[in-house]
C-alpha atoms as a PDB file:
ATOM      1  CA  MET A   1       0.000   0.000   0.000  1.00  0.00           C
ATOM      2  CA  ARG A   2       2.700   2.488   0.969  1.00  0.00           C
ATOM      3  CA  ARG A   3       4.809   1.742  -2.120  1.00  0.00           C
ATOM      4  CA  SER A   4       1.877   2.171  -4.523  1.00  0.00           C
ATOM      5  CA  ILE A   5       0.986   5.504  -2.903  1.00  0.00           C
ATOM      6  CA  ILE A   6       4.537   6.780  -3.210  1.00  0.00           C
ATOM      7  CA  ILE A   7       4.900   5.579  -6.811  1.00  0.00           C
ATOM      8  CA  SER A   8       1.750   7.478  -7.784  1.00  0.00           C
ATOM      9  CA  ILE A   9       3.096  10.591  -6.045  1.00  0.00           C
ATOM     10  CA  LEU A  10       6.434  10.253  -7.838  1.00  0.00           C
ATOM     11  CA  ILE A  11       4.662  10.036 -11.194  1.00  0.00           C
ATOM     12  CA  SER A  12       2.604  13.140 -10.425  1.00  0.00           C
ATOM     13  CA  ILE A  13       5.756  15.061  -9.478  1.00  0.00           C
ATOM     14  CA  ALA A  14       7.518  13.937 -12.644  1.00  0.00           C
ATOM     15  CA  LEU A  15       4.669  15.294 -14.743  1.00  0.00           C
ATOM     16  CA  ALA A  16       4.262  18.534 -12.775  1.00  0.00           C
ATOM     17  CA  PRO A  17       5.651  21.792 -14.161  1.00  0.00           C
ATOM     18  CA  ILE A  18       8.529  23.455 -12.328  1.00  0.00           C
ATOM     19  CA  ALA A  19       7.436  26.790 -10.893  1.00  0.00           C
ATOM     20  CA  ILE A  20      10.151  29.452 -11.011  1.00  0.00           C
ATOM     21  CA  ALA A  21       8.167  32.653 -10.618  1.00  0.00           C
ATOM     22  CA  GLY A  22       9.791  33.512  -7.288  1.00  0.00           C
ATOM     23  CA  ASP A  23      11.755  32.031  -4.426  1.00  0.00           C
ATOM     24  CA  ASP A  24       8.556  31.158  -2.580  1.00  0.00           C
ATOM     25  CA  ASN A  25       7.280  29.128  -5.547  1.00  0.00           C
ATOM     26  CA  LYS A  26      10.396  27.205  -6.509  1.00  0.00           C
ATOM     27  CA  ILE A  27      10.253  23.422  -6.527  1.00  0.00           C
ATOM     28  CA  ASN A  28      13.293  21.221  -7.028  1.00  0.00           C
ATOM     29  CA  GLN A  29      11.543  18.220  -8.555  1.00  0.00           C
ATOM     30  CA  GLU A  30      14.609  15.986  -8.426  1.00  0.00           C
ATOM     31  CA  TRP A  31      14.983  16.651  -4.714  1.00  0.00           C
ATOM     32  CA  GLN A  32      11.297  16.025  -3.981  1.00  0.00           C
ATOM     33  CA  ARG A  33      11.610  12.651  -5.753  1.00  0.00           C
ATOM     34  CA  CYS A  34      14.662  11.793  -3.666  1.00  0.00           C
ATOM     35  CA  VAL A  35      12.742  12.496  -0.454  1.00  0.00           C
ATOM     36  CA  LEU A  36       9.902  10.204  -1.504  1.00  0.00           C
ATOM     37  CA  ALA A  37      12.335   7.500  -2.627  1.00  0.00           C
ATOM     38  CA  ALA A  38      14.087   7.783   0.741  1.00  0.00           C
ATOM     39  CA  VAL A  39      10.774   7.363   2.566  1.00  0.00           C
ATOM     40  CA  ASP A  40      10.041   4.281   0.473  1.00  0.00           C
ATOM     41  CA  SER A  41      13.338   2.694   1.550  1.00  0.00           C
ATOM     42  CA  PHE A  42      12.400   2.606   5.242  1.00  0.00           C
ATOM     43  CA  PRO A  43      11.156  -0.534   6.987  1.00  0.00           C
ATOM     44  CA  GLN A  44       7.559  -0.537   8.138  1.00  0.00           C
ATOM     45  CA  ASN A  45       6.759   0.138  11.785  1.00  0.00           C
ATOM     46  CA  GLY A  46       9.662  -1.105  13.945  1.00  0.00           C
ATOM     47  CA  GLY A  47       8.308   0.420  17.147  1.00  0.00           C
ATOM     48  CA  TYR A  48       7.933   3.915  18.553  1.00  0.00           C
ATOM     49  CA  TYR A  49       9.976   4.784  21.628  1.00  0.00           C
ATOM     50  CA  THR A  50      11.405   8.037  23.013  1.00  0.00           C
ATOM     51  CA  GLY A  51      12.792   6.625  26.255  1.00  0.00           C
ATOM     52  CA  ALA A  52      16.448   6.894  27.262  1.00  0.00           C
ATOM     53  CA  LYS A  53      16.783   3.310  28.551  1.00  0.00           C
ATOM     54  CA  PRO A  54      15.904  -0.153  27.185  1.00  0.00           C
ATOM     55  CA  ASN A  55      12.888  -1.856  28.699  1.00  0.00           C
ATOM     56  CA  ASP A  56      10.917  -5.088  28.386  1.00  0.00           C
ATOM     57  CA  THR A  57       9.313  -3.926  25.132  1.00  0.00           C
ATOM     58  CA  PHE A  58      12.368  -2.350  23.509  1.00  0.00           C
ATOM     59  CA  LYS A  59      15.742  -3.986  24.029  1.00  0.00           C
ATOM     60  CA  LYS A  60      17.482  -0.927  22.641  1.00  0.00           C
ATOM     61  CA  THR A  61      16.575   2.730  22.453  1.00  0.00           C
ATOM     62  CA  ALA A  62      15.872   4.805  19.366  1.00  0.00           C
ATOM     63  CA  TRP A  63      18.950   6.842  20.284  1.00  0.00           C
ATOM     64  CA  LYS A  64      21.206   3.809  20.003  1.00  0.00           C
ATOM     65  CA  GLY A  65      19.459   2.799  16.780  1.00  0.00           C
ATOM     66  CA  LEU A  66      20.096   6.252  15.349  1.00  0.00           C
ATOM     67  CA  HIS A  67      23.774   5.968  16.270  1.00  0.00           C
ATOM     68  CA  GLN A  68      24.049   2.512  14.682  1.00  0.00           C
ATOM     69  CA  ALA A  69      22.214   3.609  11.527  1.00  0.00           C
ATOM     70  CA  TYR A  70      24.567   6.517  10.713  1.00  0.00           C
ATOM     71  CA  GLN A  71      27.705   4.561   9.840  1.00  0.00           C
ATOM     72  CA  MET A  72      30.745   6.748   9.223  1.00  0.00           C
ATOM     73  CA  THR A  73      34.327   7.022  10.418  1.00  0.00           C
ATOM     74  CA  LEU A  74      36.756   9.934  10.270  1.00  0.00           C
ATOM     75  CA  ALA A  75      38.264   8.430   7.112  1.00  0.00           C
ATOM     76  CA  ASP A  76      35.016   7.969   5.184  1.00  0.00           C
ATOM     77  CA  PRO A  77      33.967  10.511   2.505  1.00  0.00           C
ATOM     78  CA  TRP A  78      30.283  10.058   3.336  1.00  0.00           C
ATOM     79  CA  PRO A  79      28.124   7.851   5.553  1.00  0.00           C
ATOM     80  CA  VAL A  80      26.286   4.614   4.924  1.00  0.00           C
ATOM     81  CA  ILE A  81      22.776   4.638   6.389  1.00  0.00           C
ATOM     82  CA  ASP A  82      21.482   1.275   7.637  1.00  0.00           C
ATOM     83  CA  LEU A  83      17.786   1.873   8.229  1.00  0.00           C
ATOM     84  CA  GLN A  84      17.259  -1.599   9.636  1.00  0.00           C
ATOM     85  CA  GLN A  85      19.323  -0.509  12.626  1.00  0.00           C
ATOM     86  CA  ALA A  86      17.139   2.552  13.204  1.00  0.00           C
ATOM     87  CA  GLN A  87      14.419   0.702  15.097  1.00  0.00           C
ATOM     88  CA  PRO A  88      12.625   1.735  17.294  1.00  0.00           C
ATOM     89  CA  SER A  89      12.250   5.370  16.302  1.00  0.00           C
ATOM     90  CA  PHE A  90      10.391   8.585  16.990  1.00  0.00           C
ATOM     91  CA  CYS A  91       9.140  11.363  14.732  1.00  0.00           C
ATOM     92  CA  SER A  92      12.175  13.625  14.521  1.00  0.00           C
ATOM     93  CA  SER A  93      14.601  10.698  14.225  1.00  0.00           C
ATOM     94  CA  ALA A  94      12.528   9.501  11.255  1.00  0.00           C
ATOM     95  CA  THR A  95      12.462  12.832   9.421  1.00  0.00           C
ATOM     96  CA  TYR A  96      16.162  13.394  10.164  1.00  0.00           C
ATOM     97  CA  LEU A  97      17.140  10.006   8.703  1.00  0.00           C
ATOM     98  CA  ALA A  98      14.832  10.529   5.714  1.00  0.00           C
ATOM     99  CA  LEU A  99      16.608  13.827   5.061  1.00  0.00           C
ATOM    100  CA  VAL A 100      20.070  12.251   5.262  1.00  0.00           C
ATOM    101  CA  LYS A 101      19.004   9.292   3.105  1.00  0.00           C
ATOM    102  CA  ALA A 102      17.566  11.670   0.488  1.00  0.00           C
ATOM    103  CA  LEU A 103      20.794  13.710   0.508  1.00  0.00           C
ATOM    104  CA  LEU A 104      22.821  10.565  -0.189  1.00  0.00           C
ATOM    105  CA  MET A 105      20.497   9.662  -3.074  1.00  0.00           C
ATOM    106  CA  TRP A 106      20.690  13.182  -4.491  1.00  0.00           C
ATOM    107  CA  ASP A 107      24.426  13.835  -4.071  1.00  0.00           C
ATOM    108  CA  LYS A 108      25.696  11.806  -7.023  1.00  0.00           C
ATOM    109  CA  ASP A 109      28.307  14.465  -7.830  1.00  0.00           C
ATOM    110  CA  HIS A 110      29.532  14.669  -4.222  1.00  0.00           C
ATOM    111  CA  LYS A 111      28.779  18.343  -3.715  1.00  0.00           C
ATOM    112  CA  ILE A 112      28.511  17.744   0.030  1.00  0.00           C
ATOM    113  CA  SER A 113      31.917  17.542   1.675  1.00  0.00           C
ATOM    114  CA  ARG A 114      33.172  14.932   4.112  1.00  0.00           C
ATOM    115  CA  GLU A 115      33.322  17.648   6.780  1.00  0.00           C
ATOM    116  CA  ALA A 116      29.615  18.348   6.298  1.00  0.00           C
ATOM    117  CA  TRP A 117      28.698  14.651   6.532  1.00  0.00           C
ATOM    118  CA  LEU A 118      30.781  14.379   9.704  1.00  0.00           C
ATOM    119  CA  ALA A 119      28.940  17.358  11.182  1.00  0.00           C
ATOM    120  CA  MET A 120      25.548  15.831  10.364  1.00  0.00           C
ATOM    121  CA  LYS A 121      26.304  12.670  12.353  1.00  0.00           C
ATOM    122  CA  PRO A 122      24.122  12.533  15.490  1.00  0.00           C
ATOM    123  CA  PHE A 123      25.894  12.667  18.851  1.00  0.00           C
ATOM    124  CA  VAL A 124      23.627  10.791  21.261  1.00  0.00           C
ATOM    125  CA  GLY A 125      25.847  10.135  24.254  1.00  0.00           C
ATOM    126  CA  ILE A 126      27.612   7.076  22.819  1.00  0.00           C
ATOM    127  CA  VAL A 127      31.410   6.946  22.690  1.00  0.00           C
ATOM    128  CA  ASP A 128      33.099   6.225  19.353  1.00  0.00           C
ATOM    129  CA  ASN A 129      36.113   7.494  17.421  1.00  0.00           C
ATOM    130  CA  MET A 130      34.166  10.566  16.267  1.00  0.00           C
ATOM    131  CA  ASN A 131      32.737  11.277  19.715  1.00  0.00           C
ATOM    132  CA  PRO A 132      35.370  10.153  22.232  1.00  0.00           C
ATOM    133  CA  GLN A 133      33.776  12.156  25.047  1.00  0.00           C
ATOM    134  CA  GLY A 134      30.370  10.543  24.476  1.00  0.00           C
ATOM    135  CA  TYR A 135      28.844  13.976  23.929  1.00  0.00           C
ATOM    136  CA  TYR A 136      25.042  14.278  23.801  1.00  0.00           C
ATOM    137  CA  GLN A 137      23.496  16.959  21.599  1.00  0.00           C
ATOM    138  CA  SER A 138      20.549  18.654  23.272  1.00  0.00           C
ATOM    139  CA  ASP A 139      17.925  20.510  21.260  1.00  0.00           C
ATOM    140  CA  GLY A 140      19.620  23.237  19.228  1.00  0.00           C
ATOM    141  CA  GLU A 141      23.147  21.816  19.607  1.00  0.00           C
ATOM    142  CA  GLY A 142      24.934  20.744  16.441  1.00  0.00           C
ATOM    143  CA  PHE A 143      23.084  19.527  13.354  1.00  0.00           C
ATOM    144  CA  TRP A 144      21.175  16.661  14.957  1.00  0.00           C
ATOM    145  CA  GLY A 145      20.230  18.793  17.950  1.00  0.00           C
ATOM    146  CA  ARG A 146      18.753  21.356  15.598  1.00  0.00           C
ATOM    147  CA  MET A 147      16.733  18.777  13.648  1.00  0.00           C
ATOM    148  CA  ASN A 148      15.466  17.229  16.900  1.00  0.00           C
ATOM    149  CA  GLY A 149      14.289  20.475  18.481  1.00  0.00           C
ATOM    150  CA  ASN A 150      10.876  21.744  19.507  1.00  0.00           C
ATOM    151  CA  GLY A 151       8.958  24.289  17.492  1.00  0.00           C
ATOM    152  CA  PRO A 152       9.908  24.907  13.844  1.00  0.00           C
ATOM    153  CA  ALA A 153      13.337  23.304  14.317  1.00  0.00           C
ATOM    154  CA  VAL A 154      13.645  21.789  10.831  1.00  0.00           C
ATOM    155  CA  ALA A 155      12.480  25.036   9.226  1.00  0.00           C
ATOM    156  CA  VAL A 156      14.973  27.094  11.239  1.00  0.00           C
ATOM    157  CA  THR A 157      17.816  24.715  10.307  1.00  0.00           C
ATOM    158  CA  ILE A 158      17.018  24.835   6.577  1.00  0.00           C
ATOM    159  CA  HIS A 159      16.848  28.634   6.693  1.00  0.00           C
ATOM    160  CA  GLU A 160      20.181  28.760   8.548  1.00  0.00           C
ATOM    161  CA  LEU A 161      21.796  26.583   5.861  1.00  0.00           C
ATOM    162  CA  LYS A 162      20.149  28.600   3.040  1.00  0.00           C
ATOM    163  CA  ALA A 163      18.953  25.296   1.588  1.00  0.00           C
ATOM    164  CA  GLY A 164      15.314  26.200   0.991  1.00  0.00           C
ATOM    165  CA  TYR A 165      12.366  28.196   2.289  1.00  0.00           C
ATOM    166  CA  ASN A 166       9.443  27.892   4.680  1.00  0.00           C
ATOM    167  CA  PHE A 167       5.780  28.828   4.797  1.00  0.00           C
ATOM    168  CA  THR A 168       3.329  28.693   7.656  1.00  0.00           C
ATOM    169  CA  ALA A 169      -0.283  29.086   8.736  1.00  0.00           C
ATOM    170  CA  TYR A 170      -1.846  29.529  12.150  1.00  0.00           C
ATOM    171  CA  ARG A 171      -5.508  28.976  12.949  1.00  0.00           C
ATOM    172  CA  GLY A 172      -5.410  31.202  16.019  1.00  0.00           C
ATOM    173  CA  ALA A 173      -5.977  30.621  19.707  1.00  0.00           C
ATOM    174  CA  LYS A 174      -9.327  29.647  21.169  1.00  0.00           C
ATOM    175  CA  THR A 175      -8.752  31.141  24.609  1.00  0.00           C
ATOM    176  CA  ASP A 176      -7.776  34.619  25.779  1.00  0.00           C
ATOM    177  CA  ALA A 177      -4.923  33.092  27.793  1.00  0.00           C
ATOM    178  CA  CYS A 178      -3.270  31.773  24.616  1.00  0.00           C
ATOM    179  CA  LYS A 179      -3.922  34.699  22.299  1.00  0.00           C
ATOM    180  CA  GLU A 180      -0.867  36.672  21.222  1.00  0.00           C
ATOM    181  CA  GLU A 181      -2.984  39.660  20.214  1.00  0.00           C
ATOM    182  CA  PRO A 182      -6.284  40.849  21.755  1.00  0.00           C
ATOM    183  CA  ASN A 183      -8.023  40.727  18.370  1.00  0.00           C
ATOM    184  CA  GLU A 184      -6.661  37.293  17.414  1.00  0.00           C
ATOM    185  CA  ARG A 185      -9.419  35.244  15.792  1.00  0.00           C
ATOM    186  CA  TYR A 186      -9.793  31.479  15.731  1.00  0.00           C
ATOM    187  CA  LEU A 187     -10.640  30.485  12.152  1.00  0.00           C
ATOM    188  CA  THR A 188     -13.751  28.440  11.448  1.00  0.00           C
ATOM    189  CA  ASP A 189     -13.405  24.870  10.174  1.00  0.00           C
ATOM    190  CA  ASP A 190     -14.272  25.951   6.627  1.00  0.00           C
ATOM    191  CA  GLU A 191     -11.859  28.877   6.692  1.00  0.00           C
ATOM    192  CA  TRP A 192      -9.016  26.687   7.939  1.00  0.00           C
ATOM    193  CA  ARG A 193      -9.703  23.805   5.539  1.00  0.00           C
ATOM    194  CA  ASN A 194      -9.764  26.175   2.566  1.00  0.00           C
ATOM    195  CA  LEU A 195      -6.592  28.144   3.229  1.00  0.00           C
ATOM    196  CA  PRO A 196      -4.326  28.272   0.145  1.00  0.00           C
ATOM    197  CA  ILE A 197      -1.412  26.787   2.096  1.00  0.00           C
ATOM    198  CA  TRP A 198      -2.842  23.268   1.734  1.00  0.00           C
ATOM    199  CA  GLN A 199      -2.653  23.600  -2.062  1.00  0.00           C
ATOM    200  CA  GLN A 200       0.801  25.193  -1.907  1.00  0.00           C
ATOM    201  CA  ALA A 201       2.292  22.211  -0.053  1.00  0.00           C
ATOM    202  CA  LYS A 202       3.785  19.446  -2.220  1.00  0.00           C
ATOM    203  CA  PRO A 203       4.616  15.787  -1.502  1.00  0.00           C
ATOM    204  CA  GLY A 204       8.159  15.636  -0.150  1.00  0.00           C
ATOM    205  CA  ASP A 205       7.924  18.894   1.814  1.00  0.00           C
ATOM    206  CA  PHE A 206       8.923  18.635   5.462  1.00  0.00           C
ATOM    207  CA  MET A 207       6.114  19.569   7.802  1.00  0.00           C
ATOM    208  CA  LYS A 208       5.808  20.479  11.471  1.00  0.00           C
ATOM    209  CA  ILE A 209       2.336  19.871  12.862  1.00  0.00           C
ATOM    210  CA  PHE A 210       1.142  21.622  16.004  1.00  0.00           C
ATOM    211  CA  TRP A 211      -1.847  19.547  17.086  1.00  0.00           C
ATOM    212  CA  ASN A 212      -5.211  21.200  17.724  1.00  0.00           C
ATOM    213  CA  ARG A 213      -6.082  20.212  21.294  1.00  0.00           C
ATOM    214  CA  ASP A 214      -9.077  21.185  23.387  1.00  0.00           C
ATOM    215  CA  ASP A 215      -6.700  22.773  25.904  1.00  0.00           C
ATOM    216  CA  ASP A 216      -5.339  25.126  23.197  1.00  0.00           C
ATOM    217  CA  SER A 217      -1.817  23.702  23.483  1.00  0.00           C
ATOM    218  CA  GLY A 218      -1.597  23.646  19.691  1.00  0.00           C
ATOM    219  CA  ALA A 219      -1.196  27.412  19.864  1.00  0.00           C
ATOM    220  CA  LYS A 220       2.030  27.035  21.869  1.00  0.00           C
ATOM    221  CA  ILE A 221       5.485  27.022  20.290  1.00  0.00           C
ATOM    222  CA  GLY A 222       8.060  25.230  22.419  1.00  0.00           C
ATOM    223  CA  ASP A 223       8.260  24.382  26.115  1.00  0.00           C
ATOM    224  CA  ASN A 224       8.975  27.017  28.772  1.00  0.00           C
ATOM    225  CA  GLY A 225       9.804  24.485  31.489  1.00  0.00           C
ATOM    226  CA  ASN A 226       6.923  25.437  33.813  1.00  0.00           C
ATOM    227  CA  LYS A 227       4.984  22.300  34.722  1.00  0.00           C
ATOM    228  CA  GLY A 228       1.716  24.123  35.253  1.00  0.00           C
ATOM    229  CA  ASP A 229       1.738  25.829  31.844  1.00  0.00           C
ATOM    230  CA  LEU A 230       0.484  24.572  28.500  1.00  0.00           C
ATOM    231  CA  GLN A 231       3.272  23.274  26.281  1.00  0.00           C
ATOM    232  CA  GLU A 232       3.655  22.506  22.593  1.00  0.00           C
ATOM    233  CA  HIS A 233       2.165  19.258  21.236  1.00  0.00           C
ATOM    234  CA  GLY A 234       3.664  18.614  17.816  1.00  0.00           C
ATOM    235  CA  HIS A 235       4.754  16.087  15.229  1.00  0.00           C
ATOM    236  CA  SER A 236       7.652  16.176  12.734  1.00  0.00           C
ATOM    237  CA  VAL A 237       6.555  14.598   9.444  1.00  0.00           C
ATOM    238  CA  ILE A 238       6.967  14.576   5.670  1.00  0.00           C
ATOM    239  CA  PHE A 239       3.921  15.811   3.797  1.00  0.00           C
ATOM    240  CA  MET A 240       2.534  13.301   1.298  1.00  0.00           C
ATOM    241  CA  GLY A 241      -0.529  15.125  -0.033  1.00  0.00           C
ATOM    242  CA  ILE A 242      -4.247  15.676   0.492  1.00  0.00           C
ATOM    243  CA  ASP A 243      -6.357  12.572  -0.040  1.00  0.00           C
ATOM    244  CA  SER A 244      -9.762  12.249  -1.732  1.00  0.00           C
ATOM    245  CA  GLU A 245     -11.536  13.001   1.554  1.00  0.00           C
ATOM    246  CA  GLY A 246      -9.557  16.205   2.056  1.00  0.00           C
ATOM    247  CA  TYR A 247      -7.393  14.713   4.810  1.00  0.00           C
ATOM    248  CA  VAL A 248      -3.708  15.576   5.227  1.00  0.00           C
ATOM    249  CA  THR A 249      -1.507  12.532   4.609  1.00  0.00           C
ATOM    250  CA  TYR A 250       2.030  12.305   5.919  1.00  0.00           C
ATOM    251  CA  TRP A 251       4.889   9.931   6.691  1.00  0.00           C
ATOM    252  CA  SER A 252       6.856   9.746   9.926  1.00  0.00           C
ATOM    253  CA  SER A 253       7.424   7.552  12.941  1.00  0.00           C
ATOM    254  CA  ASN A 254       3.984   7.654  14.477  1.00  0.00           C
ATOM    255  CA  GLY A 255       3.124   6.837  18.060  1.00  0.00           C
ATOM    256  CA  PRO A 256       3.061   6.092  20.899  1.00  0.00           C
ATOM    257  CA  GLY A 257      -0.524   4.710  20.852  1.00  0.00           C
ATOM    258  CA  GLU A 258      -1.787   1.747  22.842  1.00  0.00           C
ATOM    259  CA  ASN A 259       0.751  -0.652  21.352  1.00  0.00           C
ATOM    260  CA  PRO A 260       3.966   1.280  20.575  1.00  0.00           C
ATOM    261  CA  ALA A 261       5.798  -1.920  19.587  1.00  0.00           C
ATOM    262  CA  GLU A 262       3.572  -2.146  16.497  1.00  0.00           C
ATOM    263  CA  MET A 263       3.898   1.525  15.609  1.00  0.00           C
ATOM    264  CA  GLY A 264       6.776   3.536  14.175  1.00  0.00           C
ATOM    265  CA  TYR A 265       7.538   4.181  10.495  1.00  0.00           C
ATOM    266  CA  GLY A 266       4.497   4.554   8.302  1.00  0.00           C
ATOM    267  CA  MET A 267       1.786   6.724   6.832  1.00  0.00           C
ATOM    268  CA  GLY A 268      -0.619   8.821   8.845  1.00  0.00           C
ATOM    269  CA  ARG A 269      -3.595  11.001   8.016  1.00  0.00           C
ATOM    270  CA  CYS A 270      -5.697  13.568   9.792  1.00  0.00           C
ATOM    271  CA  ASP A 271      -8.410  16.101   9.188  1.00  0.00           C
ATOM    272  CA  LYS A 272      -6.992  19.582   8.691  1.00  0.00           C
ATOM    273  CA  THR A 273      -8.986  20.705  11.734  1.00  0.00           C
ATOM    274  CA  LYS A 274      -6.804  18.463  13.937  1.00  0.00           C
ATOM    275  CA  ILE A 275      -3.964  20.887  13.167  1.00  0.00           C
ATOM    276  CA  GLN A 276      -3.830  24.312  14.806  1.00  0.00           C
ATOM    277  CA  ARG A 277      -0.526  25.515  13.396  1.00  0.00           C
ATOM    278  CA  VAL A 278       1.660  24.207  10.563  1.00  0.00           C
ATOM    279  CA  VAL A 279       5.102  25.005   9.200  1.00  0.00           C
ATOM    280  CA  PHE A 280       6.129  23.616   5.807  1.00  0.00           C
ATOM    281  CA  THR A 281       9.775  23.417   4.720  1.00  0.00           C
ATOM    282  CA  ARG A 282      10.729  23.049   1.073  1.00  0.00           C
ATOM    283  CA  ILE A 283      14.332  22.258   0.239  1.00  0.00           C
ATOM    284  CA  THR A 284      15.347  23.749  -3.104  1.00  0.00           C
ATOM    285  CA  ASN A 285      19.153  23.835  -2.843  1.00  0.00           C
ATOM    286  CA  PRO A 286      20.345  20.556  -1.310  1.00  0.00           C
ATOM    287  CA  GLU A 287      23.937  21.433  -2.207  1.00  0.00           C
ATOM    288  CA  LYS A 288      23.727  24.018   0.587  1.00  0.00           C
ATOM    289  CA  PHE A 289      23.874  21.188   3.105  1.00  0.00           C
ATOM    290  CA  ASP A 290      27.609  21.508   2.637  1.00  0.00           C
ATOM    291  CA  ASN A 291      27.176  24.502   4.959  1.00  0.00           C
ATOM    292  CA  ALA A 292      26.569  21.975   7.732  1.00  0.00           C
ATOM    293  CA  LYS A 293      30.363  21.751   8.053  1.00  0.00           C
ATOM    294  CA  LYS A 294      30.154  25.086   9.874  1.00  0.00           C
ATOM    295  CA  ILE A 295      27.867  23.572  12.522  1.00  0.00           C
ATOM    296  CA  VAL A 296      30.341  21.892  14.857  1.00  0.00           C
ATOM    297  CA  PRO A 297      28.902  19.478  17.448  1.00  0.00           C
ATOM    298  CA  LYS A 298      28.656  22.086  20.226  1.00  0.00           C
ATOM    299  CA  ASN A 299      27.519  24.963  18.012  1.00  0.00           C
ATOM    300  CA  VAL A 300      24.202  26.229  19.394  1.00  0.00           C
ATOM    301  CA  ASN A 301      21.190  27.718  17.664  1.00  0.00           C
ATOM    302  CA  GLN A 302      19.918  29.729  20.612  1.00  0.00           C
ATOM    303  CA  TYR A 303      16.330  30.008  19.372  1.00  0.00           C
ATOM    304  CA  ILE A 304      15.874  26.221  19.125  1.00  0.00           C
ATOM    305  CA  TYR A 305      17.871  25.653  22.320  1.00  0.00           C
ATOM    306  CA  ASP A 306      15.597  27.957  24.334  1.00  0.00           C
ATOM    307  CA  LEU A 307      12.403  26.219  23.161  1.00  0.00           C
ATOM    308  CA  ASN A 308      13.471  23.134  25.120  1.00  0.00           C
ATOM    309  CA  GLY A 309      12.418  24.083  28.642  1.00  0.00           C
ATOM    310  CA  LYS A 310      13.277  27.772  28.751  1.00  0.00           C
ATOM    311  CA  LYS A 311      10.674  29.784  26.830  1.00  0.00           C
ATOM    312  CA  HIS A 312       7.781  29.808  24.419  1.00  0.00           C
ATOM    313  CA  SER A 313       8.039  31.557  21.083  1.00  0.00           C
ATOM    314  CA  THR A 314       5.670  33.991  19.457  1.00  0.00           C
ATOM    315  CA  THR A 315       4.445  33.627  15.891  1.00  0.00           C
ATOM    316  CA  LYS A 316       6.450  36.734  14.989  1.00  0.00           C
ATOM    317  CA  GLU A 317       9.637  35.136  16.334  1.00  0.00           C
ATOM    318  CA  LEU A 318       8.886  31.883  14.514  1.00  0.00           C
ATOM    319  CA  LYS A 319       8.573  33.717  11.203  1.00  0.00           C
ATOM    320  CA  LYS A 320      11.763  35.691  11.805  1.00  0.00           C
ATOM    321  CA  HIS A 321      13.884  32.608  12.536  1.00  0.00           C
ATOM    322  CA  CYS A 322      12.353  30.683   9.631  1.00  0.00           C
ATOM    323  CA  GLY A 323      12.891  33.515   7.154  1.00  0.00           C
ATOM    324  CA  ILE A 324       9.144  33.886   6.554  1.00  0.00           C
ATOM    325  CA  LYS A 325       7.966  37.375   5.611  1.00  0.00           C
END
């Protein structure tokens, strides 16, 4: 089922015209195909787990699986990605590995340097010859820490690298406590479902979902560290299209659910009204990932770093750090 869906999407992309009217309309069709081909190379399911220690259900963590999947030494020109090792998983580990896998598929001319590939390797607290101190990258630290962050972390990283552009939509807050402006209006279901952004998005775009919850937490960007406050509830995914019922379809590691051992890599779908805020990221210049060589393991993106237990962001700040006008 997944393969047939992706093949049909690949065909539609191959036949689609390339828009070049402006930076915010550009589509790199070859890159979009590489993303979808990368998604299709993943195993199905494999388990969903965000815990830091093995347990009775999962004999290893997703963090260890991520480390084992990204196979590279100091002497290698680029990594080998073993997706079978990357099980269990969680949403941002899935989209990160899909990105790296797509880059390897795309980079036939080796435009991305060894130094950049070395910088993109995740440091997850495991000692090896590239990480002799066993350094762990928190949100916002290094390349992996950026990709794994709260809020629009992927979008901020792509903007920082100058590898593409971002676009966003926000339904508004339901409650006065969550409104950023006194006159902020919560869009009706019809207004939200019919926003042009859903037609602008293309299969292979990266997508950050902020879930629409009854408690209005979907209006929040990041986590301010205060236990009594509402915090962000989100999902890092790859957009796959709008189905015949008007539902958003996406790929990621999905979970946890009632049986996380049977979850993980796969397709998901939801009504647009289940989403309160969305940020799409479209990569148009994958060669710019060579700029990752400037992001050493302890280099910090302060905006992403602060969204992990220090502060919430405003919509204005989100747009600024994502390069959205």
